[in-house]
């Protein structure tokens, strides 16, 4: 093993990239992520195992001064976080033996909450049910006219899954065909085997019901759409049969909303669909603990950060309560 830290880090980057290829990511996705990782490591200016939380703050702060978008700053932190997790899993013993450093991730609760966390629910509300419905109608119409039926139909099923099941992009990218269990429970369920864990706890699997007709969408997808892609276990495959990277999913959504032609203020991210899932289910009376289990949060307080009721939520809840009370009273009077 090389004891030159820069040579060793280069070897680690090569191994990290090899792991992406082994997971089936497309060459375009890999090239984009390599460039992002190289820029991040260059900006940090020291081997990854020596990076401190202050280094992360410095790099992201410089990006902010340069006017880079919040999403771009988040990508820098996330790519480094992924590389550091790889080092912890594969190279920790070698690094400690050669350089005397015990790996501790410098992405802590403070810089993560500022730079890696989701867009603030207090500032950016999720799309309304009407807006989501309009977008899915646009996607449904596009299937009939798109140059390639397969990708257009796959995108429709995938984004319906993100919304109705409240999945993270990476969770959707790791779904496989055997993870669909149509006979489990009254609606069928998705087995999210690689749910996000808290801190460094590893994947946290969960079962998510296929609500609001998602089971019908996924049955159609499996029978009519998935066979048009190369055979592989991957559910939402790219045109080589490999999984779509979460960055590709985000870019696909951005591209589709540009095609839709709506104002920028009406566009949203894949994560906004997850927040919309939480909010819309809460508004229609689904128990908060049930939403927590559905989204895979460790605590109800995390789920509450995702819930952003509409401006008329109180009035709507009041009208429902009054209507329910009147219905009960009317029913009692009619039986006397």
C-alpha atoms as a PDB file:
ATOM      1  CA  UNK A   1       0.000   0.000   0.000  1.00  0.00           C
ATOM      2  CA  UNK A   2       1.262   3.481  -0.861  1.00  0.00           C
ATOM      3  CA  UNK A   3       2.029   5.652   2.173  1.00  0.00           C
ATOM      4  CA  UNK A   4       1.847   8.828   0.127  1.00  0.00           C
ATOM      5  CA  UNK A   5      -1.550  10.225   1.179  1.00  0.00           C
ATOM      6  CA  UNK A   6      -2.408  11.688  -2.227  1.00  0.00           C
ATOM      7  CA  UNK A   7      -1.517   8.520  -4.106  1.00  0.00           C
ATOM      8  CA  UNK A   8      -3.501   6.461  -1.619  1.00  0.00           C
ATOM      9  CA  UNK A   9      -6.515   8.777  -1.941  1.00  0.00           C
ATOM     10  CA  UNK A  10      -6.358   8.419  -5.740  1.00  0.00           C
ATOM     11  CA  UNK A  11      -6.425   4.640  -5.322  1.00  0.00           C
ATOM     12  CA  UNK A  12      -9.416   4.982  -3.013  1.00  0.00           C
ATOM     13  CA  UNK A  13     -11.270   7.154  -5.534  1.00  0.00           C
ATOM     14  CA  UNK A  14     -10.619   4.534  -8.232  1.00  0.00           C
ATOM     15  CA  UNK A  15     -12.027   1.827  -5.955  1.00  0.00           C
ATOM     16  CA  UNK A  16     -15.043   4.009  -5.127  1.00  0.00           C
ATOM     17  CA  UNK A  17     -15.756   4.491  -8.832  1.00  0.00           C
ATOM     18  CA  UNK A  18     -15.372   0.737  -9.428  1.00  0.00           C
ATOM     19  CA  UNK A  19     -18.093   0.171  -6.821  1.00  0.00           C
ATOM     20  CA  UNK A  20     -20.423   2.452  -8.832  1.00  0.00           C
ATOM     21  CA  UNK A  21     -19.783   0.396 -11.952  1.00  0.00           C
ATOM     22  CA  UNK A  22     -20.457  -2.792 -10.004  1.00  0.00           C
ATOM     23  CA  UNK A  23     -23.843  -1.364  -8.956  1.00  0.00           C
ATOM     24  CA  UNK A  24     -24.717  -0.719 -12.597  1.00  0.00           C
ATOM     25  CA  UNK A  25     -24.707   3.090 -12.749  1.00  0.00           C
ATOM     26  CA  UNK A  26     -24.574   4.500 -16.283  1.00  0.00           C
ATOM     27  CA  UNK A  27     -21.261   5.850 -17.687  1.00  0.00           C
ATOM     28  CA  UNK A  28     -22.730   9.359 -17.943  1.00  0.00           C
ATOM     29  CA  UNK A  29     -23.753   9.354 -14.274  1.00  0.00           C
ATOM     30  CA  UNK A  30     -20.340   8.021 -13.229  1.00  0.00           C
ATOM     31  CA  UNK A  31     -18.489  10.665 -15.256  1.00  0.00           C
ATOM     32  CA  UNK A  32     -20.577  13.449 -13.711  1.00  0.00           C
ATOM     33  CA  UNK A  33     -20.028  12.184 -10.177  1.00  0.00           C
ATOM     34  CA  UNK A  34     -16.289  11.657 -10.678  1.00  0.00           C
ATOM     35  CA  UNK A  35     -15.950  15.279 -11.736  1.00  0.00           C
ATOM     36  CA  UNK A  36     -17.971  16.462  -8.733  1.00  0.00           C
ATOM     37  CA  UNK A  37     -15.924  14.342  -6.307  1.00  0.00           C
ATOM     38  CA  UNK A  38     -12.628  15.555  -7.777  1.00  0.00           C
ATOM     39  CA  UNK A  39     -13.705  19.199  -7.477  1.00  0.00           C
ATOM     40  CA  UNK A  40     -14.816  18.625  -3.886  1.00  0.00           C
ATOM     41  CA  UNK A  41     -11.558  16.963  -2.837  1.00  0.00           C
ATOM     42  CA  UNK A  42      -9.506  19.662  -4.558  1.00  0.00           C
ATOM     43  CA  UNK A  43     -11.453  22.395  -2.765  1.00  0.00           C
ATOM     44  CA  UNK A  44     -10.967  20.683   0.611  1.00  0.00           C
ATOM     45  CA  UNK A  45      -7.215  20.641   0.004  1.00  0.00           C
ATOM     46  CA  UNK A  46      -6.350  17.724   2.258  1.00  0.00           C
ATOM     47  CA  UNK A  47      -6.842  13.940   2.284  1.00  0.00           C
ATOM     48  CA  UNK A  48     -10.415  12.939   3.035  1.00  0.00           C
ATOM     49  CA  UNK A  49      -9.526  11.277   6.351  1.00  0.00           C
ATOM     50  CA  UNK A  50      -8.039  14.576   7.614  1.00  0.00           C
ATOM     51  CA  UNK A  51     -11.023  16.757   6.670  1.00  0.00           C
ATOM     52  CA  UNK A  52     -12.684  18.535   9.589  1.00  0.00           C
ATOM     53  CA  UNK A  53     -16.170  20.038   9.985  1.00  0.00           C
ATOM     54  CA  UNK A  54     -14.535  23.448   9.624  1.00  0.00           C
ATOM     55  CA  UNK A  55     -13.155  22.419   6.213  1.00  0.00           C
ATOM     56  CA  UNK A  56     -16.676  21.495   5.097  1.00  0.00           C
ATOM     57  CA  UNK A  57     -18.006  24.845   6.333  1.00  0.00           C
ATOM     58  CA  UNK A  58     -15.211  26.670   4.505  1.00  0.00           C
ATOM     59  CA  UNK A  59     -15.807  24.969   1.154  1.00  0.00           C
ATOM     60  CA  UNK A  60     -19.588  25.302   1.255  1.00  0.00           C
ATOM     61  CA  UNK A  61     -19.287  28.874   2.492  1.00  0.00           C
ATOM     62  CA  UNK A  62     -17.021  29.705  -0.464  1.00  0.00           C
ATOM     63  CA  UNK A  63     -19.580  28.202  -2.822  1.00  0.00           C
ATOM     64  CA  UNK A  64     -22.283  30.364  -1.240  1.00  0.00           C
ATOM     65  CA  UNK A  65     -20.147  33.499  -1.693  1.00  0.00           C
ATOM     66  CA  UNK A  66     -19.711  32.536  -5.348  1.00  0.00           C
ATOM     67  CA  UNK A  67     -23.497  32.504  -5.682  1.00  0.00           C
ATOM     68  CA  UNK A  68     -23.810  28.754  -6.243  1.00  0.00           C
ATOM     69  CA  UNK A  69     -27.279  27.305  -5.698  1.00  0.00           C
ATOM     70  CA  UNK A  70     -28.266  25.517  -2.497  1.00  0.00           C
ATOM     71  CA  UNK A  71     -28.690  22.284  -4.468  1.00  0.00           C
ATOM     72  CA  UNK A  72     -25.132  22.585  -5.825  1.00  0.00           C
ATOM     73  CA  UNK A  73     -23.674  23.148  -2.372  1.00  0.00           C
ATOM     74  CA  UNK A  74     -25.633  20.159  -1.120  1.00  0.00           C
ATOM     75  CA  UNK A  75     -24.215  17.995  -3.929  1.00  0.00           C
ATOM     76  CA  UNK A  76     -20.640  18.820  -2.865  1.00  0.00           C
ATOM     77  CA  UNK A  77     -21.365  17.733   0.688  1.00  0.00           C
ATOM     78  CA  UNK A  78     -23.285  14.623  -0.327  1.00  0.00           C
ATOM     79  CA  UNK A  79     -20.610  13.337  -2.718  1.00  0.00           C
ATOM     80  CA  UNK A  80     -17.974  13.756  -0.019  1.00  0.00           C
ATOM     81  CA  UNK A  81     -20.226  12.077   2.537  1.00  0.00           C
ATOM     82  CA  UNK A  82     -20.680   9.109   0.209  1.00  0.00           C
ATOM     83  CA  UNK A  83     -16.924   8.831  -0.390  1.00  0.00           C
ATOM     84  CA  UNK A  84     -16.223   9.036   3.341  1.00  0.00           C
ATOM     85  CA  UNK A  85     -18.767   6.256   4.019  1.00  0.00           C
ATOM     86  CA  UNK A  86     -16.936   4.148   1.442  1.00  0.00           C
ATOM     87  CA  UNK A  87     -13.630   4.769   3.225  1.00  0.00           C
ATOM     88  CA  UNK A  88     -15.175   3.780   6.553  1.00  0.00           C
ATOM     89  CA  UNK A  89     -16.562   0.558   5.091  1.00  0.00           C
ATOM     90  CA  UNK A  90     -13.593  -0.502   2.959  1.00  0.00           C
ATOM     91  CA  UNK A  91     -10.427   1.369   3.949  1.00  0.00           C
ATOM     92  CA  UNK A  92     -10.655   2.307   7.645  1.00  0.00           C
ATOM     93  CA  UNK A  93      -8.108  -0.268   8.872  1.00  0.00           C
ATOM     94  CA  UNK A  94      -5.590   0.617   6.159  1.00  0.00           C
ATOM     95  CA  UNK A  95      -5.921   4.350   6.830  1.00  0.00           C
ATOM     96  CA  UNK A  96      -5.450   3.904  10.580  1.00  0.00           C
ATOM     97  CA  UNK A  97      -2.411   1.665  10.044  1.00  0.00           C
ATOM     98  CA  UNK A  98      -0.729   3.928   7.494  1.00  0.00           C
ATOM     99  CA  UNK A  99      -1.656   7.400   8.721  1.00  0.00           C
ATOM    100  CA  UNK A 100      -2.707   6.907  12.329  1.00  0.00           C
ATOM    101  CA  UNK A 101      -6.156   8.373  11.749  1.00  0.00           C
ATOM    102  CA  UNK A 102      -9.404   6.826  12.962  1.00  0.00           C
ATOM    103  CA  UNK A 103     -12.134   7.814  10.548  1.00  0.00           C
ATOM    104  CA  UNK A 104     -14.878  10.097  11.857  1.00  0.00           C
ATOM    105  CA  UNK A 105     -17.215  11.715   9.330  1.00  0.00           C
ATOM    106  CA  UNK A 106     -16.892  15.528   9.432  1.00  0.00           C
ATOM    107  CA  UNK A 107     -20.491  15.969   8.263  1.00  0.00           C
ATOM    108  CA  UNK A 108     -22.050  16.662  11.637  1.00  0.00           C
ATOM    109  CA  UNK A 109     -25.514  17.755  12.751  1.00  0.00           C
ATOM    110  CA  UNK A 110     -24.634  21.416  12.345  1.00  0.00           C
ATOM    111  CA  UNK A 111     -23.235  21.614   8.828  1.00  0.00           C
ATOM    112  CA  UNK A 112     -25.646  18.866   7.709  1.00  0.00           C
ATOM    113  CA  UNK A 113     -28.658  20.840   8.893  1.00  0.00           C
ATOM    114  CA  UNK A 114     -27.495  23.904   6.986  1.00  0.00           C
ATOM    115  CA  UNK A 115     -26.136  22.358   3.818  1.00  0.00           C
ATOM    116  CA  UNK A 116     -27.371  18.799   3.467  1.00  0.00           C
ATOM    117  CA  UNK A 117     -30.841  19.052   4.922  1.00  0.00           C
ATOM    118  CA  UNK A 118     -33.955  19.362   2.851  1.00  0.00           C
ATOM    119  CA  UNK A 119     -35.286  22.707   1.694  1.00  0.00           C
ATOM    120  CA  UNK A 120     -36.871  24.398   4.675  1.00  0.00           C
ATOM    121  CA  UNK A 121     -40.568  23.495   4.878  1.00  0.00           C
ATOM    122  CA  UNK A 122     -41.153  26.922   6.390  1.00  0.00           C
ATOM    123  CA  UNK A 123     -39.973  28.596   3.187  1.00  0.00           C
ATOM    124  CA  UNK A 124     -40.754  26.212   0.330  1.00  0.00           C
ATOM    125  CA  UNK A 125     -44.188  24.557   0.535  1.00  0.00           C
ATOM    126  CA  UNK A 126     -44.675  21.267  -1.303  1.00  0.00           C
ATOM    127  CA  UNK A 127     -46.801  21.233  -4.456  1.00  0.00           C
ATOM    128  CA  UNK A 128     -50.537  21.111  -3.881  1.00  0.00           C
ATOM    129  CA  UNK A 129     -52.584  17.996  -4.740  1.00  0.00           C
ATOM    130  CA  UNK A 130     -53.981  19.910  -7.727  1.00  0.00           C
ATOM    131  CA  UNK A 131     -50.489  20.801  -8.980  1.00  0.00           C
ATOM    132  CA  UNK A 132     -49.264  17.214  -8.619  1.00  0.00           C
ATOM    133  CA  UNK A 133     -52.352  15.959 -10.422  1.00  0.00           C
ATOM    134  CA  UNK A 134     -51.778  18.368 -13.312  1.00  0.00           C
ATOM    135  CA  UNK A 135     -48.179  17.246 -13.644  1.00  0.00           C
ATOM    136  CA  UNK A 136     -49.133  13.575 -13.768  1.00  0.00           C
ATOM    137  CA  UNK A 137     -51.788  14.331 -16.380  1.00  0.00           C
ATOM    138  CA  UNK A 138     -49.104  16.025 -18.485  1.00  0.00           C
ATOM    139  CA  UNK A 139     -46.860  12.975 -18.112  1.00  0.00           C
ATOM    140  CA  UNK A 140     -49.713  10.621 -19.031  1.00  0.00           C
ATOM    141  CA  UNK A 141     -50.416  12.588 -22.228  1.00  0.00           C
ATOM    142  CA  UNK A 142     -46.728  12.641 -23.063  1.00  0.00           C
ATOM    143  CA  UNK A 143     -46.520   8.838 -23.080  1.00  0.00           C
ATOM    144  CA  UNK A 144     -48.649   8.767 -26.233  1.00  0.00           C
ATOM    145  CA  UNK A 145     -46.474  11.272 -28.112  1.00  0.00           C
ATOM    146  CA  UNK A 146     -42.953  10.695 -26.750  1.00  0.00           C
ATOM    147  CA  UNK A 147     -40.307   9.518 -29.206  1.00  0.00           C
ATOM    148  CA  UNK A 148     -39.472   6.636 -26.843  1.00  0.00           C
ATOM    149  CA  UNK A 149     -42.431   5.014 -25.151  1.00  0.00           C
ATOM    150  CA  UNK A 150     -40.379   3.054 -22.577  1.00  0.00           C
ATOM    151  CA  UNK A 151     -38.549   5.926 -20.819  1.00  0.00           C
ATOM    152  CA  UNK A 152     -41.658   8.155 -20.864  1.00  0.00           C
ATOM    153  CA  UNK A 153     -43.824   5.428 -19.313  1.00  0.00           C
ATOM    154  CA  UNK A 154     -41.091   4.505 -16.822  1.00  0.00           C
ATOM    155  CA  UNK A 155     -40.804   8.122 -15.686  1.00  0.00           C
ATOM    156  CA  UNK A 156     -44.562   8.299 -15.141  1.00  0.00           C
ATOM    157  CA  UNK A 157     -44.588   5.152 -12.984  1.00  0.00           C
ATOM    158  CA  UNK A 158     -41.447   6.161 -11.100  1.00  0.00           C
ATOM    159  CA  UNK A 159     -42.624   9.637 -10.120  1.00  0.00           C
ATOM    160  CA  UNK A 160     -46.048   8.283  -9.186  1.00  0.00           C
ATOM    161  CA  UNK A 161     -44.163   5.901  -6.864  1.00  0.00           C
ATOM    162  CA  UNK A 162     -42.100   8.714  -5.340  1.00  0.00           C
ATOM    163  CA  UNK A 163     -45.296  10.630  -4.584  1.00  0.00           C
ATOM    164  CA  UNK A 164     -47.730   7.924  -3.461  1.00  0.00           C
ATOM    165  CA  UNK A 165     -45.160   5.913  -1.464  1.00  0.00           C
ATOM    166  CA  UNK A 166     -43.168   8.912  -0.187  1.00  0.00           C
ATOM    167  CA  UNK A 167     -39.844   7.408  -1.271  1.00  0.00           C
ATOM    168  CA  UNK A 168     -36.476   9.082  -1.433  1.00  0.00           C
ATOM    169  CA  UNK A 169     -34.902   9.105  -4.911  1.00  0.00           C
ATOM    170  CA  UNK A 170     -32.145   6.718  -3.878  1.00  0.00           C
ATOM    171  CA  UNK A 171     -34.675   4.323  -2.352  1.00  0.00           C
ATOM    172  CA  UNK A 172     -36.573   4.240  -5.644  1.00  0.00           C
ATOM    173  CA  UNK A 173     -33.372   3.706  -7.633  1.00  0.00           C
ATOM    174  CA  UNK A 174     -32.542   0.618  -5.543  1.00  0.00           C
ATOM    175  CA  UNK A 175     -35.953  -1.040  -5.894  1.00  0.00           C
ATOM    176  CA  UNK A 176     -36.000  -4.381  -7.685  1.00  0.00           C
ATOM    177  CA  UNK A 177     -38.881  -6.245  -9.290  1.00  0.00           C
ATOM    178  CA  UNK A 178     -39.147  -8.792  -6.433  1.00  0.00           C
ATOM    179  CA  UNK A 179     -39.702  -5.873  -4.032  1.00  0.00           C
ATOM    180  CA  UNK A 180     -43.276  -5.515  -5.317  1.00  0.00           C
ATOM    181  CA  UNK A 181     -45.691  -7.615  -3.236  1.00  0.00           C
ATOM    182  CA  UNK A 182     -49.159  -7.118  -4.694  1.00  0.00           C
ATOM    183  CA  UNK A 183     -50.854  -9.617  -2.382  1.00  0.00           C
ATOM    184  CA  UNK A 184     -49.449  -8.276   0.884  1.00  0.00           C
ATOM    185  CA  UNK A 185     -52.118  -6.331   2.794  1.00  0.00           C
ATOM    186  CA  UNK A 186     -55.255  -4.790   1.306  1.00  0.00           C
ATOM    187  CA  UNK A 187     -53.367  -2.586  -1.182  1.00  0.00           C
ATOM    188  CA  UNK A 188     -50.129  -4.464  -1.815  1.00  0.00           C
ATOM    189  CA  UNK A 189     -46.772  -3.267  -0.482  1.00  0.00           C
ATOM    190  CA  UNK A 190     -43.331  -2.125  -1.591  1.00  0.00           C
ATOM    191  CA  UNK A 191     -40.396  -3.633   0.285  1.00  0.00           C
ATOM    192  CA  UNK A 192     -37.948  -0.749   0.631  1.00  0.00           C
ATOM    193  CA  UNK A 193     -34.892  -2.823   1.509  1.00  0.00           C
ATOM    194  CA  UNK A 194     -32.425   0.063   1.449  1.00  0.00           C
ATOM    195  CA  UNK A 195     -34.276   2.664   3.483  1.00  0.00           C
ATOM    196  CA  UNK A 196     -32.119   5.460   4.833  1.00  0.00           C
ATOM    197  CA  UNK A 197     -30.803   4.803   8.343  1.00  0.00           C
ATOM    198  CA  UNK A 198     -30.031   7.370  11.020  1.00  0.00           C
ATOM    199  CA  UNK A 199     -26.406   8.501  11.302  1.00  0.00           C
ATOM    200  CA  UNK A 200     -24.230   5.443  10.488  1.00  0.00           C
ATOM    201  CA  UNK A 201     -26.740   2.730  11.397  1.00  0.00           C
ATOM    202  CA  UNK A 202     -26.902   1.316   7.872  1.00  0.00           C
ATOM    203  CA  UNK A 203     -29.977   0.602   5.736  1.00  0.00           C
ATOM    204  CA  UNK A 204     -33.326   0.549   7.537  1.00  0.00           C
ATOM    205  CA  UNK A 205     -35.827  -1.625   5.614  1.00  0.00           C
ATOM    206  CA  UNK A 206     -39.556  -0.873   5.718  1.00  0.00           C
ATOM    207  CA  UNK A 207     -42.809  -1.906   4.059  1.00  0.00           C
ATOM    208  CA  UNK A 208     -44.815   0.806   2.281  1.00  0.00           C
ATOM    209  CA  UNK A 209     -48.425   0.261   1.113  1.00  0.00           C
ATOM    210  CA  UNK A 210     -49.298   0.986  -2.516  1.00  0.00           C
ATOM    211  CA  UNK A 211     -51.923   3.645  -1.867  1.00  0.00           C
ATOM    212  CA  UNK A 212     -54.126   5.693  -4.209  1.00  0.00           C
ATOM    213  CA  UNK A 213     -54.009   3.190  -7.066  1.00  0.00           C
ATOM    214  CA  UNK A 214     -50.227   2.819  -7.067  1.00  0.00           C
ATOM    215  CA  UNK A 215     -50.682  -0.953  -7.256  1.00  0.00           C
ATOM    216  CA  UNK A 216     -52.500  -0.558 -10.589  1.00  0.00           C
ATOM    217  CA  UNK A 217     -49.791   1.742 -11.929  1.00  0.00           C
ATOM    218  CA  UNK A 218     -47.028  -0.698 -10.968  1.00  0.00           C
ATOM    219  CA  UNK A 219     -48.887  -3.732 -12.346  1.00  0.00           C
ATOM    220  CA  UNK A 220     -49.200  -1.907 -15.673  1.00  0.00           C
ATOM    221  CA  UNK A 221     -45.539  -0.918 -15.512  1.00  0.00           C
ATOM    222  CA  UNK A 222     -44.342  -4.473 -14.873  1.00  0.00           C
ATOM    223  CA  UNK A 223     -46.513  -6.006 -17.578  1.00  0.00           C
ATOM    224  CA  UNK A 224     -46.342  -3.416 -20.343  1.00  0.00           C
ATOM    225  CA  UNK A 225     -43.328  -1.159 -19.781  1.00  0.00           C
ATOM    226  CA  UNK A 226     -40.532  -2.976 -17.950  1.00  0.00           C
ATOM    227  CA  UNK A 227     -40.173  -5.680 -20.681  1.00  0.00           C
ATOM    228  CA  UNK A 228     -39.099  -2.923 -23.093  1.00  0.00           C
ATOM    229  CA  UNK A 229     -35.856  -2.484 -21.103  1.00  0.00           C
ATOM    230  CA  UNK A 230     -32.972  -4.993 -20.868  1.00  0.00           C
ATOM    231  CA  UNK A 231     -33.652  -7.881 -18.494  1.00  0.00           C
ATOM    232  CA  UNK A 232     -32.263  -7.283 -14.995  1.00  0.00           C
ATOM    233  CA  UNK A 233     -33.644  -7.288 -11.427  1.00  0.00           C
ATOM    234  CA  UNK A 234     -33.805  -3.470 -11.388  1.00  0.00           C
ATOM    235  CA  UNK A 235     -37.333  -2.056 -11.269  1.00  0.00           C
ATOM    236  CA  UNK A 236     -36.839   1.450 -12.704  1.00  0.00           C
ATOM    237  CA  UNK A 237     -34.007   0.675 -15.115  1.00  0.00           C
ATOM    238  CA  UNK A 238     -32.112   2.883 -17.530  1.00  0.00           C
ATOM    239  CA  UNK A 239     -31.699   1.843 -21.154  1.00  0.00           C
ATOM    240  CA  UNK A 240     -28.786  -0.447 -20.244  1.00  0.00           C
ATOM    241  CA  UNK A 241     -30.823  -2.261 -17.576  1.00  0.00           C
ATOM    242  CA  UNK A 242     -28.989  -0.646 -14.661  1.00  0.00           C
ATOM    243  CA  UNK A 243     -30.483   1.487 -11.869  1.00  0.00           C
ATOM    244  CA  UNK A 244     -31.107   5.183 -12.325  1.00  0.00           C
ATOM    245  CA  UNK A 245     -28.872   7.280 -10.091  1.00  0.00           C
ATOM    246  CA  UNK A 246     -30.664   9.699  -7.766  1.00  0.00           C
ATOM    247  CA  UNK A 247     -29.029  12.586  -9.678  1.00  0.00           C
ATOM    248  CA  UNK A 248     -30.465  11.222 -12.914  1.00  0.00           C
ATOM    249  CA  UNK A 249     -33.916  11.037 -11.318  1.00  0.00           C
ATOM    250  CA  UNK A 250     -33.631  14.669 -10.249  1.00  0.00           C
ATOM    251  CA  UNK A 251     -32.474  15.694 -13.725  1.00  0.00           C
ATOM    252  CA  UNK A 252     -35.312  13.752 -15.369  1.00  0.00           C
ATOM    253  CA  UNK A 253     -37.882  15.586 -13.251  1.00  0.00           C
ATOM    254  CA  UNK A 254     -36.302  18.944 -14.048  1.00  0.00           C
ATOM    255  CA  UNK A 255     -36.354  18.118 -17.767  1.00  0.00           C
ATOM    256  CA  UNK A 256     -40.001  17.022 -17.668  1.00  0.00           C
ATOM    257  CA  UNK A 257     -41.113  20.191 -15.913  1.00  0.00           C
ATOM    258  CA  UNK A 258     -39.260  22.263 -18.496  1.00  0.00           C
ATOM    259  CA  UNK A 259     -41.193  20.397 -21.192  1.00  0.00           C
ATOM    260  CA  UNK A 260     -44.410  21.049 -19.294  1.00  0.00           C
ATOM    261  CA  UNK A 261     -43.695  24.759 -19.601  1.00  0.00           C
ATOM    262  CA  UNK A 262     -44.996  25.884 -16.224  1.00  0.00           C
ATOM    263  CA  UNK A 263     -43.438  28.921 -14.435  1.00  0.00           C
ATOM    264  CA  UNK A 264     -40.307  28.244 -12.388  1.00  0.00           C
ATOM    265  CA  UNK A 265     -42.236  28.970  -9.185  1.00  0.00           C
ATOM    266  CA  UNK A 266     -44.483  25.964  -9.895  1.00  0.00           C
ATOM    267  CA  UNK A 267     -41.648  23.479 -10.377  1.00  0.00           C
ATOM    268  CA  UNK A 268     -40.541  21.092  -7.653  1.00  0.00           C
ATOM    269  CA  UNK A 269     -37.897  18.506  -6.800  1.00  0.00           C
ATOM    270  CA  UNK A 270     -38.209  14.749  -6.200  1.00  0.00           C
ATOM    271  CA  UNK A 271     -37.878  15.435  -2.487  1.00  0.00           C
ATOM    272  CA  UNK A 272     -40.774  17.889  -2.689  1.00  0.00           C
ATOM    273  CA  UNK A 273     -42.926  14.968  -3.863  1.00  0.00           C
ATOM    274  CA  UNK A 274     -41.955  13.130  -0.669  1.00  0.00           C
ATOM    275  CA  UNK A 275     -42.949  16.140   1.418  1.00  0.00           C
ATOM    276  CA  UNK A 276     -46.162  16.437  -0.587  1.00  0.00           C
ATOM    277  CA  UNK A 277     -46.930  12.801   0.243  1.00  0.00           C
ATOM    278  CA  UNK A 278     -46.583  13.564   3.961  1.00  0.00           C
ATOM    279  CA  UNK A 279     -48.578  16.794   3.787  1.00  0.00           C
ATOM    280  CA  UNK A 280     -51.435  15.549   1.636  1.00  0.00           C
ATOM    281  CA  UNK A 281     -51.941  12.391   3.704  1.00  0.00           C
ATOM    282  CA  UNK A 282     -51.902  14.446   6.895  1.00  0.00           C
ATOM    283  CA  UNK A 283     -54.442  16.913   5.476  1.00  0.00           C
ATOM    284  CA  UNK A 284     -56.876  14.145   4.671  1.00  0.00           C
ATOM    285  CA  UNK A 285     -56.679  12.693   8.153  1.00  0.00           C
ATOM    286  CA  UNK A 286     -54.035   9.943   8.031  1.00  0.00           C
ATOM    287  CA  UNK A 287     -52.497   9.399  11.464  1.00  0.00           C
ATOM    288  CA  UNK A 288     -49.133  11.115  11.878  1.00  0.00           C
ATOM    289  CA  UNK A 289     -47.490   7.952  13.225  1.00  0.00           C
ATOM    290  CA  UNK A 290     -48.681   6.068  10.132  1.00  0.00           C
ATOM    291  CA  UNK A 291     -47.067   8.728   7.926  1.00  0.00           C
ATOM    292  CA  UNK A 292     -43.874   8.453   9.988  1.00  0.00           C
ATOM    293  CA  UNK A 293     -43.737   4.696   9.383  1.00  0.00           C
ATOM    294  CA  UNK A 294     -44.503   5.177   5.707  1.00  0.00           C
ATOM    295  CA  UNK A 295     -41.687   7.681   5.174  1.00  0.00           C
ATOM    296  CA  UNK A 296     -39.206   5.745   7.309  1.00  0.00           C
ATOM    297  CA  UNK A 297     -38.490   8.503   9.833  1.00  0.00           C
ATOM    298  CA  UNK A 298     -37.042   7.644  13.226  1.00  0.00           C
ATOM    299  CA  UNK A 299     -39.215  10.179  15.059  1.00  0.00           C
ATOM    300  CA  UNK A 300     -42.564  11.897  14.597  1.00  0.00           C
ATOM    301  CA  UNK A 301     -40.781  15.237  14.976  1.00  0.00           C
ATOM    302  CA  UNK A 302     -38.897  14.536  11.744  1.00  0.00           C
ATOM    303  CA  UNK A 303     -42.188  13.836   9.998  1.00  0.00           C
ATOM    304  CA  UNK A 304     -43.685  17.081  11.309  1.00  0.00           C
ATOM    305  CA  UNK A 305     -40.907  19.006   9.553  1.00  0.00           C
ATOM    306  CA  UNK A 306     -42.207  17.577   6.279  1.00  0.00           C
ATOM    307  CA  UNK A 307     -45.838  18.519   6.879  1.00  0.00           C
ATOM    308  CA  UNK A 308     -46.799  21.933   5.525  1.00  0.00           C
ATOM    309  CA  UNK A 309     -50.609  22.198   5.553  1.00  0.00           C
ATOM    310  CA  UNK A 310     -52.335  24.528   3.118  1.00  0.00           C
ATOM    311  CA  UNK A 311     -53.352  28.069   4.038  1.00  0.00           C
ATOM    312  CA  UNK A 312     -56.966  26.932   4.557  1.00  0.00           C
ATOM    313  CA  UNK A 313     -56.131  23.781   6.525  1.00  0.00           C
ATOM    314  CA  UNK A 314     -57.814  25.000   9.745  1.00  0.00           C
ATOM    315  CA  UNK A 315     -60.968  26.122   7.938  1.00  0.00           C
ATOM    316  CA  UNK A 316     -61.164  22.872   5.962  1.00  0.00           C
ATOM    317  CA  UNK A 317     -60.727  20.799   9.121  1.00  0.00           C
ATOM    318  CA  UNK A 318     -63.407  22.856  10.866  1.00  0.00           C
ATOM    319  CA  UNK A 319     -65.874  22.397   8.000  1.00  0.00           C
ATOM    320  CA  UNK A 320     -65.251  18.640   7.957  1.00  0.00           C
ATOM    321  CA  UNK A 321     -65.818  18.444  11.704  1.00  0.00           C
ATOM    322  CA  UNK A 322     -69.031  20.488  11.516  1.00  0.00           C
ATOM    323  CA  UNK A 323     -70.314  18.457   8.564  1.00  0.00           C
ATOM    324  CA  UNK A 324     -69.576  15.214  10.413  1.00  0.00           C
ATOM    325  CA  UNK A 325     -71.387  16.445  13.533  1.00  0.00           C
ATOM    326  CA  UNK A 326     -74.422  17.576  11.533  1.00  0.00           C
ATOM    327  CA  UNK A 327     -74.529  14.245   9.724  1.00  0.00           C
ATOM    328  CA  UNK A 328     -74.549  12.396  13.045  1.00  0.00           C
ATOM    329  CA  UNK A 329     -77.301  14.639  14.443  1.00  0.00           C
ATOM    330  CA  UNK A 330     -79.365  14.358  11.280  1.00  0.00           C
ATOM    331  CA  UNK A 331     -78.991  10.618  11.301  1.00  0.00           C
ATOM    332  CA  UNK A 332     -80.188  10.369  14.914  1.00  0.00           C
ATOM    333  CA  UNK A 333     -83.167  12.638  14.255  1.00  0.00           C
ATOM    334  CA  UNK A 334     -84.205  10.683  11.182  1.00  0.00           C
ATOM    335  CA  UNK A 335     -84.408   7.417  13.156  1.00  0.00           C
ATOM    336  CA  UNK A 336     -86.653   8.783  15.923  1.00  0.00           C
END
